[in-house]
């Protein structure tokens, strides 16, 4: 039997301090290796030390080899920037373009497009569309996962709005809730199947989120989220809504996945940044491979949050339609801040992130809002490949929230709203219509991406907070 080797013997051979020495000594105690002569053991150890990659799959020495090899680097370099489609460049700030160009340097990026309502965000700019190869980027999806527009067209004439202003104000106050402080009281909450989804139990991170989701079901977020009555004007006779030309009362809501979506976004972004370390300018674009358990876990959580957002809108529209005693003639619902598995023109399957961008596949309907004093547009997508079958999700901001609060006054905004015949409940200076781009200019910049079926003009708007 060979003389037993000790740690100092391995150090003299050049083994580094650490796990490799202990693993090698333990391996030499295995019966078939103890039979080797002292010289053969030394020779074998030298081979493992000098060429560990050759032993990385060896049944006896793979663990020792792994301990000898340098740990795999999680620092990922950016690649050469790929080209992307740009719509309405004259309306887009340089910061958003810089963010988009950074996203186009990711090794997983396949294609991209920037919409005319684009402005600076975290990671991918708002209005950015990014296709990646089997990877999902939580911050390219966004914090408010599955945020969406939902429009109900009601069988009421437009003059109904002018005749029932106070009644409709009261109805909005009674049947909507905004922000994190107020929800519907016990007995007024509505249940929904989404709250019973398996993800709340299957995914450890979500197990304590179900109660918050249940408390906030049927409510809307703060910021630019709203529920509003307005006038729908159908202008295209050949429309998928089945509506004759003319004007109707519409109910439009904009909100997302509330605290559930924000928690999912922040949790998985942090994990992505730990596992995919990018240069500082790209750190919020860290991705999760869909070949990993973590990537699949985020994908399930993202889809849950998106379905939860849809459930909130469904309850809002159900409550208000029931209070009015009316059944909608037609509905349109579309979402952004999401990732889809789609096929490109060349047949490749990619993950398409639309952060503040509307799906505009061929024949796909959507609602693109303006501001509270400008019309929104009911659209049908044209499926333009260069745009990754996308369009803008709104007018987009021309003033940051901070700048709007600094430069605009309440009296000025109230006068502006009155001039446009808009009744506002809640809202703040940061959401003043003057803080937004011209929706007509935005639509002009994307006329090749969508066909317009009609418009929605706001009249009675409900947002977070008391009236200004």
Protein backbone atom coordinates (compact mmCIF):
# COMPACT_ATOMS: atom_id res chain seq x y z
CA UNK A 1 0.00 0.00 0.00
CA UNK A 2 1.32 3.44 -0.92
CA UNK A 3 2.45 5.86 1.75
CA UNK A 4 -0.45 8.15 2.62
CA UNK A 5 -0.10 11.62 1.15
CA UNK A 6 -0.82 14.67 3.30
CA UNK A 7 -1.88 18.25 2.65
CA UNK A 8 1.72 19.55 2.68
CA UNK A 9 2.62 17.04 -0.03
CA UNK A 10 -0.06 18.50 -2.28
CA UNK A 11 0.99 22.06 -1.48
CA UNK A 12 4.53 21.19 -2.55
CA UNK A 13 3.09 19.90 -5.84
CA UNK A 14 1.48 23.32 -6.34
CA UNK A 15 -2.07 22.72 -5.17
CA UNK A 16 -3.63 26.00 -3.98
CA UNK A 17 -5.01 26.44 -0.49
CA UNK A 18 -8.68 25.60 -0.32
CA UNK A 19 -11.18 22.92 -1.21
CA UNK A 20 -9.07 21.24 -3.89
CA UNK A 21 -6.60 19.81 -1.35
CA UNK A 22 -9.26 18.29 0.88
CA UNK A 23 -11.19 16.88 -2.07
CA UNK A 24 -8.04 15.31 -3.56
CA UNK A 25 -6.98 13.71 -0.28
CA UNK A 26 -10.45 12.29 0.22
CA UNK A 27 -10.46 10.92 -3.31
CA UNK A 28 -7.16 9.12 -2.74
CA UNK A 29 -8.79 7.16 0.10
CA UNK A 30 -11.07 5.41 -2.37
CA UNK A 31 -10.23 1.69 -2.54
CA UNK A 32 -9.12 1.51 -6.17
CA UNK A 33 -6.91 4.60 -5.83
CA UNK A 34 -5.27 3.50 -2.55
CA UNK A 35 -3.78 0.60 -4.50
CA UNK A 36 -1.69 2.98 -6.63
CA UNK A 37 1.97 3.39 -5.73
CA UNK A 38 3.22 6.60 -4.16
CA UNK A 39 4.82 7.60 -7.48
CA UNK A 40 1.62 6.88 -9.46
CA UNK A 41 -0.44 8.92 -7.04
CA UNK A 42 1.94 11.87 -7.38
CA UNK A 43 1.90 11.54 -11.17
CA UNK A 44 -1.91 11.44 -11.25
CA UNK A 45 -2.19 14.48 -8.98
CA UNK A 46 0.25 16.42 -11.15
CA UNK A 47 -1.84 15.64 -14.23
CA UNK A 48 -5.04 16.78 -12.51
CA UNK A 49 -3.32 19.97 -11.34
CA UNK A 50 -1.79 20.82 -14.71
CA UNK A 51 -4.80 19.99 -16.92
CA UNK A 52 -7.95 20.17 -14.77
CA UNK A 53 -10.21 20.68 -17.81
CA UNK A 54 -9.32 17.15 -18.98
CA UNK A 55 -10.74 15.79 -15.71
CA UNK A 56 -13.87 17.98 -15.59
CA UNK A 57 -16.07 15.00 -16.55
CA UNK A 58 -13.99 12.25 -14.89
CA UNK A 59 -16.04 10.23 -12.40
CA UNK A 60 -13.25 10.28 -9.80
CA UNK A 61 -11.74 13.74 -10.25
CA UNK A 62 -14.45 16.09 -11.58
CA UNK A 63 -14.99 17.77 -8.20
CA UNK A 64 -11.25 18.31 -7.67
CA UNK A 65 -10.95 19.66 -11.21
CA UNK A 66 -13.85 22.07 -10.61
CA UNK A 67 -12.16 23.35 -7.45
CA UNK A 68 -8.92 23.95 -9.38
CA UNK A 69 -10.56 25.80 -12.26
CA UNK A 70 -11.29 29.54 -11.83
CA UNK A 71 -14.96 30.21 -11.08
CA UNK A 72 -16.97 31.10 -14.16
CA UNK A 73 -17.16 34.85 -14.59
CA UNK A 74 -20.61 36.36 -14.25
CA UNK A 75 -19.34 39.62 -15.75
CA UNK A 76 -20.72 39.88 -19.25
CA UNK A 77 -19.31 42.24 -21.84
CA UNK A 78 -21.54 44.14 -24.23
CA UNK A 79 -21.45 43.27 -27.91
CA UNK A 80 -21.41 45.47 -30.99
CA UNK A 81 -24.62 47.47 -31.27
CA UNK A 82 -27.26 46.03 -33.58
CA UNK A 83 -29.46 48.28 -35.71
CA UNK A 84 -33.05 48.93 -34.67
CA UNK A 85 -36.14 50.60 -36.10
CA UNK A 86 -36.84 54.16 -34.90
CA UNK A 87 -40.21 55.88 -35.30
CA UNK A 88 -40.74 59.61 -34.72
CA UNK A 89 -37.14 60.40 -33.83
CA UNK A 90 -37.96 64.11 -33.62
CA UNK A 91 -40.25 63.40 -30.64
CA UNK A 92 -37.75 61.31 -28.65
CA UNK A 93 -35.27 62.61 -26.06
CA UNK A 94 -31.63 61.64 -26.34
CA UNK A 95 -31.67 59.78 -23.04
CA UNK A 96 -34.22 57.28 -24.35
CA UNK A 97 -32.23 56.74 -27.55
CA UNK A 98 -29.06 56.13 -25.52
CA UNK A 99 -30.88 53.54 -23.39
CA UNK A 100 -32.17 51.80 -26.51
CA UNK A 101 -28.72 51.70 -28.07
CA UNK A 102 -27.33 50.15 -24.88
CA UNK A 103 -30.03 47.47 -25.00
CA UNK A 104 -29.07 46.73 -28.61
CA UNK A 105 -25.56 45.80 -27.39
CA UNK A 106 -26.69 42.92 -25.18
CA UNK A 107 -25.32 39.54 -26.35
CA UNK A 108 -28.85 38.09 -26.21
CA UNK A 109 -30.43 40.87 -28.29
CA UNK A 110 -31.82 39.84 -31.68
CA UNK A 111 -33.77 42.93 -32.81
CA UNK A 112 -35.36 46.10 -31.47
CA UNK A 113 -37.61 49.08 -32.17
CA UNK A 114 -38.31 52.41 -30.47
CA UNK A 115 -41.80 53.92 -30.55
CA UNK A 116 -42.54 57.65 -31.05
CA UNK A 117 -43.85 58.09 -27.49
CA UNK A 118 -40.52 56.92 -26.04
CA UNK A 119 -38.92 58.54 -23.03
CA UNK A 120 -36.29 57.67 -20.44
CA UNK A 121 -36.99 54.81 -18.02
CA UNK A 122 -35.09 52.16 -16.06
CA UNK A 123 -33.22 49.65 -18.22
CA UNK A 124 -35.18 49.64 -21.45
CA UNK A 125 -36.72 53.04 -22.22
CA UNK A 126 -40.48 53.48 -22.04
CA UNK A 127 -41.57 52.83 -25.63
CA UNK A 128 -38.79 50.33 -26.22
CA UNK A 129 -39.37 46.96 -27.90
CA UNK A 130 -36.64 44.33 -27.60
CA UNK A 131 -36.45 40.80 -29.00
CA UNK A 132 -34.02 38.45 -27.26
CA UNK A 133 -32.81 34.89 -27.73
CA UNK A 134 -34.44 32.69 -25.07
CA UNK A 135 -33.85 35.27 -22.34
CA UNK A 136 -36.24 37.47 -20.37
CA UNK A 137 -35.20 40.80 -18.86
CA UNK A 138 -37.37 41.77 -15.85
CA UNK A 139 -36.65 45.50 -16.20
CA UNK A 140 -37.33 45.36 -19.95
CA UNK A 141 -40.77 44.10 -18.95
CA UNK A 142 -41.08 46.82 -16.33
CA UNK A 143 -42.28 47.25 -12.76
CA UNK A 144 -46.01 47.48 -13.49
CA UNK A 145 -46.23 44.09 -15.17
CA UNK A 146 -49.12 43.66 -17.60
CA UNK A 147 -50.27 47.29 -17.31
CA UNK A 148 -53.12 47.70 -19.77
CA UNK A 149 -55.87 49.68 -21.40
CA UNK A 150 -59.45 48.40 -21.28
CA UNK A 151 -62.32 50.05 -23.17
CA UNK A 152 -66.02 49.22 -22.90
CA UNK A 153 -68.32 50.72 -25.52
CA UNK A 154 -71.73 51.29 -23.94
CA UNK A 155 -75.14 51.56 -25.69
CA UNK A 156 -75.63 55.17 -24.56
CA UNK A 157 -75.71 58.38 -26.62
CA UNK A 158 -72.89 60.92 -26.10
CA UNK A 159 -75.25 63.54 -24.64
CA UNK A 160 -75.76 61.18 -21.68
CA UNK A 161 -72.39 62.39 -20.35
CA UNK A 162 -73.37 66.04 -20.31
CA UNK A 163 -76.76 65.33 -18.76
CA UNK A 164 -75.52 63.10 -15.92
CA UNK A 165 -72.19 64.65 -14.86
CA UNK A 166 -72.82 64.61 -11.11
CA UNK A 167 -74.35 61.14 -11.21
CA UNK A 168 -71.36 59.77 -13.13
CA UNK A 169 -68.88 61.54 -10.82
CA UNK A 170 -70.53 59.83 -7.85
CA UNK A 171 -70.53 56.49 -9.67
CA UNK A 172 -66.76 56.70 -10.31
CA UNK A 173 -66.07 57.68 -6.71
CA UNK A 174 -68.18 54.79 -5.42
CA UNK A 175 -66.96 52.05 -7.73
CA UNK A 176 -63.23 52.78 -8.14
CA UNK A 177 -60.29 52.78 -5.74
CA UNK A 178 -56.79 54.15 -6.38
CA UNK A 179 -53.38 53.88 -4.77
CA UNK A 180 -52.28 51.70 -1.88
CA UNK A 181 -54.31 53.13 0.99
CA UNK A 182 -57.90 52.42 0.04
CA UNK A 183 -59.41 49.15 -1.14
CA UNK A 184 -62.95 47.88 -1.19
CA UNK A 185 -64.27 47.09 2.26
CA UNK A 186 -65.33 43.63 3.40
CA UNK A 187 -68.56 42.65 1.71
CA UNK A 188 -67.84 44.82 -1.33
CA UNK A 189 -64.80 42.90 -2.56
CA UNK A 190 -65.28 40.64 -5.53
CA UNK A 191 -63.60 37.26 -5.79
CA UNK A 192 -61.72 36.08 -8.88
CA UNK A 193 -60.25 32.77 -10.03
CA UNK A 194 -56.81 34.38 -10.48
CA UNK A 195 -56.45 34.51 -6.69
CA UNK A 196 -56.61 30.71 -6.55
CA UNK A 197 -53.81 30.15 -9.05
CA UNK A 198 -51.21 27.49 -8.22
CA UNK A 199 -48.34 29.96 -8.64
CA UNK A 200 -49.14 31.48 -5.25
CA UNK A 201 -48.18 28.14 -3.67
CA UNK A 202 -45.70 26.73 -6.19
CA UNK A 203 -43.38 29.76 -6.15
CA UNK A 204 -41.95 30.39 -2.71
CA UNK A 205 -41.57 34.12 -3.23
CA UNK A 206 -45.30 34.49 -3.96
CA UNK A 207 -46.66 32.64 -0.95
CA UNK A 208 -47.03 35.79 1.13
CA UNK A 209 -48.30 37.91 -1.79
CA UNK A 210 -51.72 36.33 -2.14
CA UNK A 211 -53.27 38.33 0.71
CA UNK A 212 -52.14 41.67 -0.75
CA UNK A 213 -53.36 40.64 -4.19
CA UNK A 214 -56.76 39.76 -2.71
CA UNK A 215 -56.94 43.09 -0.87
CA UNK A 216 -56.13 45.09 -4.03
CA UNK A 217 -58.22 43.14 -6.55
CA UNK A 218 -60.42 45.46 -8.61
CA UNK A 219 -58.45 48.60 -7.72
CA UNK A 220 -56.21 50.92 -9.74
CA UNK A 221 -52.72 52.26 -9.17
CA UNK A 222 -51.63 55.86 -8.69
CA UNK A 223 -49.60 58.03 -11.06
CA UNK A 224 -50.99 58.03 -14.60
CA UNK A 225 -53.63 55.38 -13.96
CA UNK A 226 -57.26 56.34 -14.46
CA UNK A 227 -60.85 55.29 -15.00
CA UNK A 228 -62.83 57.68 -17.21
CA UNK A 229 -66.00 58.19 -19.17
CA UNK A 230 -65.77 59.65 -22.65
CA UNK A 231 -67.14 59.68 -26.15
CA UNK A 232 -66.32 56.84 -28.54
CA UNK A 233 -66.48 57.82 -32.19
CA UNK A 234 -66.35 54.87 -34.61
CA UNK A 235 -64.96 56.18 -37.91
CA UNK A 236 -64.08 52.99 -39.81
CA UNK A 237 -67.10 51.09 -41.19
CA UNK A 238 -65.11 47.85 -41.53
CA UNK A 239 -64.29 47.27 -37.87
CA UNK A 240 -63.90 44.12 -35.80
CA UNK A 241 -66.01 45.60 -33.00
CA UNK A 242 -69.20 45.04 -34.99
CA UNK A 243 -70.26 48.64 -34.37
CA UNK A 244 -71.99 50.94 -36.87
CA UNK A 245 -70.42 54.33 -37.54
CA UNK A 246 -71.36 56.86 -34.90
CA UNK A 247 -70.80 58.00 -31.33
CA UNK A 248 -71.26 56.10 -28.09
CA UNK A 249 -70.42 56.47 -24.41
CA UNK A 250 -67.19 54.68 -23.52
CA UNK A 251 -65.57 53.62 -20.27
CA UNK A 252 -61.75 53.51 -20.41
CA UNK A 253 -59.41 52.27 -17.68
CA UNK A 254 -55.63 52.23 -17.39
CA UNK A 255 -53.86 50.31 -14.62
CA UNK A 256 -51.62 47.33 -13.99
CA UNK A 257 -50.77 44.57 -11.58
CA UNK A 258 -50.54 46.69 -8.45
CA UNK A 259 -48.27 45.58 -5.57
CA UNK A 260 -48.06 42.03 -6.92
CA UNK A 261 -46.40 43.10 -10.18
CA UNK A 262 -44.04 45.53 -8.46
CA UNK A 263 -42.87 42.85 -6.03
CA UNK A 264 -42.25 40.35 -8.83
CA UNK A 265 -40.33 42.90 -10.89
CA UNK A 266 -38.06 44.05 -8.10
CA UNK A 267 -37.38 40.56 -6.72
CA UNK A 268 -36.40 38.98 -10.02
CA UNK A 269 -34.50 42.02 -11.25
CA UNK A 270 -32.29 41.77 -8.18
CA UNK A 271 -31.70 38.06 -8.82
CA UNK A 272 -30.98 38.73 -12.48
CA UNK A 273 -28.44 41.43 -11.57
CA UNK A 274 -26.70 39.03 -9.18
CA UNK A 275 -26.46 36.28 -11.77
CA UNK A 276 -25.84 38.41 -14.87
CA UNK A 277 -23.41 41.19 -14.05
CA UNK A 278 -23.33 43.75 -16.84
CA UNK A 279 -21.41 47.03 -17.16
CA UNK A 280 -22.87 49.87 -15.10
CA UNK A 281 -24.72 51.51 -17.99
CA UNK A 282 -26.53 48.23 -18.73
CA UNK A 283 -26.95 46.76 -15.25
CA UNK A 284 -30.76 47.10 -15.23
CA UNK A 285 -30.90 45.00 -18.40
CA UNK A 286 -29.71 41.86 -16.62
CA UNK A 287 -31.54 38.83 -17.96
CA UNK A 288 -32.67 35.37 -16.90
CA UNK A 289 -32.24 32.48 -19.31
CA UNK A 290 -35.46 30.59 -19.96
CA UNK A 291 -33.35 27.43 -19.83
CA UNK A 292 -32.93 27.95 -16.09
CA UNK A 293 -35.32 27.23 -13.25
CA UNK A 294 -35.13 30.89 -12.17
CA UNK A 295 -36.04 32.09 -15.66
CA UNK A 296 -39.02 29.75 -15.82
CA UNK A 297 -40.09 30.86 -12.35
CA UNK A 298 -40.08 34.53 -13.38
CA UNK A 299 -41.99 33.69 -16.56
CA UNK A 300 -44.77 32.07 -14.54
CA UNK A 301 -44.83 34.94 -12.04
CA UNK A 302 -44.95 37.50 -14.87
CA UNK A 303 -47.91 35.77 -16.50
CA UNK A 304 -49.71 35.57 -13.17
CA UNK A 305 -49.22 39.32 -12.64
CA UNK A 306 -50.50 40.03 -16.16
CA UNK A 307 -53.63 37.94 -15.60
CA UNK A 308 -54.14 39.66 -12.25
CA UNK A 309 -54.01 43.07 -13.96
CA UNK A 310 -56.66 41.90 -16.43
CA UNK A 311 -58.82 40.68 -13.55
CA UNK A 312 -58.66 44.12 -11.92
CA UNK A 313 -59.93 45.78 -15.11
CA UNK A 314 -62.64 43.16 -15.52
CA UNK A 315 -63.98 43.96 -12.06
CA UNK A 316 -63.83 47.73 -12.63
CA UNK A 317 -65.84 47.47 -15.83
CA UNK A 318 -68.28 44.96 -14.34
CA UNK A 319 -68.99 47.18 -11.33
CA UNK A 320 -69.63 50.30 -13.39
CA UNK A 321 -71.64 48.63 -16.15
CA UNK A 322 -73.82 46.98 -13.50
CA UNK A 323 -74.32 50.32 -11.72
CA UNK A 324 -75.39 51.86 -15.03
CA UNK A 325 -77.63 48.90 -15.83
CA UNK A 326 -75.96 48.52 -19.22
CA UNK A 327 -74.19 45.71 -21.05
CA UNK A 328 -71.20 46.75 -23.21
CA UNK A 329 -71.64 46.50 -26.96
CA UNK A 330 -67.94 45.83 -27.48
CA UNK A 331 -64.64 45.71 -25.58
CA UNK A 332 -61.01 46.35 -26.43
CA UNK A 333 -58.15 45.38 -24.12
CA UNK A 334 -54.41 45.49 -24.74
CA UNK A 335 -51.39 45.43 -22.47
CA UNK A 336 -47.79 46.56 -22.32
CA UNK A 337 -44.96 46.00 -19.82
CA UNK A 338 -44.84 42.35 -20.76
CA UNK A 339 -42.86 39.72 -22.67
CA UNK A 340 -44.26 37.42 -25.34
CA UNK A 341 -42.91 34.36 -27.15
CA UNK A 342 -43.26 35.25 -30.83
CA UNK A 343 -41.82 34.22 -34.19
CA UNK A 344 -39.91 36.63 -36.38
CA UNK A 345 -40.28 36.79 -40.16
CA UNK A 346 -37.38 34.33 -40.55
CA UNK A 347 -39.12 31.78 -38.32
CA UNK A 348 -36.96 32.23 -35.23
CA UNK A 349 -38.76 32.17 -31.87
CA UNK A 350 -37.77 35.15 -29.75
CA UNK A 351 -38.86 36.79 -26.53
CA UNK A 352 -40.38 40.17 -27.39
CA UNK A 353 -40.36 42.70 -24.54
CA UNK A 354 -42.73 45.65 -24.94
CA UNK A 355 -42.05 48.19 -22.23
CA UNK A 356 -44.68 50.84 -22.73
CA UNK A 357 -45.48 49.61 -26.24
CA UNK A 358 -48.68 48.14 -27.65
CA UNK A 359 -48.84 44.80 -29.50
CA UNK A 360 -49.78 45.59 -33.12
CA UNK A 361 -49.77 42.23 -34.85
CA UNK A 362 -51.80 41.96 -38.03
CA UNK A 363 -55.47 42.34 -37.10
CA UNK A 364 -54.77 42.83 -33.37
CA UNK A 365 -56.93 45.52 -31.75
CA UNK A 366 -55.65 48.03 -29.25
CA UNK A 367 -56.35 51.32 -27.52
CA UNK A 368 -53.71 54.09 -27.59
CA UNK A 369 -54.67 56.95 -25.23
CA UNK A 370 -53.67 60.59 -25.61
CA UNK A 371 -54.00 62.76 -22.52
CA UNK A 372 -57.08 63.73 -20.54
CA UNK A 373 -57.75 66.60 -22.98
CA UNK A 374 -56.75 64.76 -26.16
CA UNK A 375 -58.36 61.81 -27.91
CA UNK A 376 -57.16 58.26 -27.72
CA UNK A 377 -57.26 55.97 -30.74
CA UNK A 378 -58.85 52.56 -31.26
CA UNK A 379 -56.43 50.81 -33.61
CA UNK A 380 -55.91 47.65 -35.61
CA UNK A 381 -52.33 46.43 -35.95
CA UNK A 382 -50.70 45.96 -39.33
CA UNK A 383 -48.09 43.46 -38.16
CA UNK A 384 -45.08 45.40 -39.46
CA UNK A 385 -42.00 43.20 -38.98
CA UNK A 386 -39.54 46.10 -38.57
CA UNK A 387 -41.47 47.37 -35.54
CA UNK A 388 -41.65 43.86 -34.10
CA UNK A 389 -45.41 44.18 -34.64
CA UNK A 390 -45.66 47.01 -32.11
CA UNK A 391 -46.96 50.57 -31.74
CA UNK A 392 -46.82 53.27 -29.07
CA UNK A 393 -48.77 52.80 -25.85
CA UNK A 394 -49.80 56.43 -25.59
CA UNK A 395 -48.66 59.97 -26.24
CA UNK A 396 -45.62 59.72 -23.96
CA UNK A 397 -44.30 62.33 -21.57
CA UNK A 398 -42.64 65.53 -22.70
CA UNK A 399 -42.14 66.73 -19.11
CA UNK A 400 -40.86 64.67 -16.22
CA UNK A 401 -43.09 64.52 -13.17
CA UNK A 402 -40.71 66.78 -11.25
CA UNK A 403 -40.59 69.37 -14.03
CA UNK A 404 -44.38 69.37 -14.40
CA UNK A 405 -44.81 70.07 -10.69
CA UNK A 406 -42.25 72.87 -10.86
CA UNK A 407 -43.52 74.61 -14.00
CA UNK A 408 -47.31 74.16 -13.92
CA UNK A 409 -49.83 75.73 -11.57
CA UNK A 410 -53.17 74.37 -10.35
CA UNK A 411 -55.18 77.36 -11.58
CA UNK A 412 -53.57 77.07 -15.01
CA UNK A 413 -54.37 73.37 -15.26
CA UNK A 414 -57.97 73.83 -14.04
CA UNK A 415 -58.55 76.50 -16.70
CA UNK A 416 -57.07 74.23 -19.37
CA UNK A 417 -59.33 71.34 -18.35
CA UNK A 418 -62.41 73.59 -18.31
CA UNK A 419 -61.58 74.87 -21.80
CA UNK A 420 -61.61 71.28 -23.04
CA UNK A 421 -64.79 70.33 -21.19
CA UNK A 422 -63.09 67.80 -18.90
CA UNK A 423 -64.27 67.03 -15.38
CA UNK A 424 -61.34 65.76 -13.27
CA UNK A 425 -61.63 63.92 -9.96
CA UNK A 426 -58.24 63.57 -8.28
CA UNK A 427 -55.04 63.81 -10.29
CA UNK A 428 -52.01 66.02 -9.77
CA UNK A 429 -49.86 68.51 -11.62
CA UNK A 430 -47.52 65.70 -12.73
CA UNK A 431 -50.41 64.27 -14.78
CA UNK A 432 -51.51 67.56 -16.33
CA UNK A 433 -52.25 67.22 -20.05
CA UNK A 434 -49.52 69.76 -20.85
CA UNK A 435 -46.95 67.27 -19.52
CA UNK A 436 -47.65 64.94 -22.46
CA UNK A 437 -46.62 64.92 -26.11
CA UNK A 438 -49.03 65.72 -28.93
CA UNK A 439 -50.84 62.45 -29.59
CA UNK A 440 -51.65 63.53 -33.16
CA UNK A 441 -47.93 63.91 -33.93
CA UNK A 442 -47.23 60.53 -32.34
CA UNK A 443 -49.95 58.86 -34.41
CA UNK A 444 -48.64 60.50 -37.56
CA UNK A 445 -45.22 58.97 -36.87
CA UNK A 446 -46.67 55.45 -36.67
CA UNK A 447 -49.37 55.54 -39.34
CA UNK A 448 -47.64 52.65 -41.13
CA UNK A 449 -47.96 50.50 -37.98
CA UNK A 450 -51.70 50.71 -37.24
CA UNK A 451 -55.05 51.52 -38.84
CA UNK A 452 -57.41 53.79 -36.88
CA UNK A 453 -60.92 52.46 -36.28
CA UNK A 454 -62.15 55.27 -34.04
CA UNK A 455 -61.36 57.62 -31.18
CA UNK A 456 -62.11 58.02 -27.49
CA UNK A 457 -62.35 61.56 -26.07
CA UNK A 458 -62.26 61.85 -22.23
CA UNK A 459 -64.98 63.79 -20.44
CA UNK A 460 -65.13 62.67 -16.77
CA UNK A 461 -61.77 61.47 -15.43
CA UNK A 462 -61.03 59.73 -12.12
CA UNK A 463 -57.45 59.46 -10.82
CA UNK A 464 -55.76 59.01 -7.45
CA UNK A 465 -56.32 61.70 -4.84
CA UNK A 466 -58.78 64.48 -4.16
CA UNK A 467 -59.62 67.03 -6.85
CA UNK A 468 -57.04 69.72 -7.47
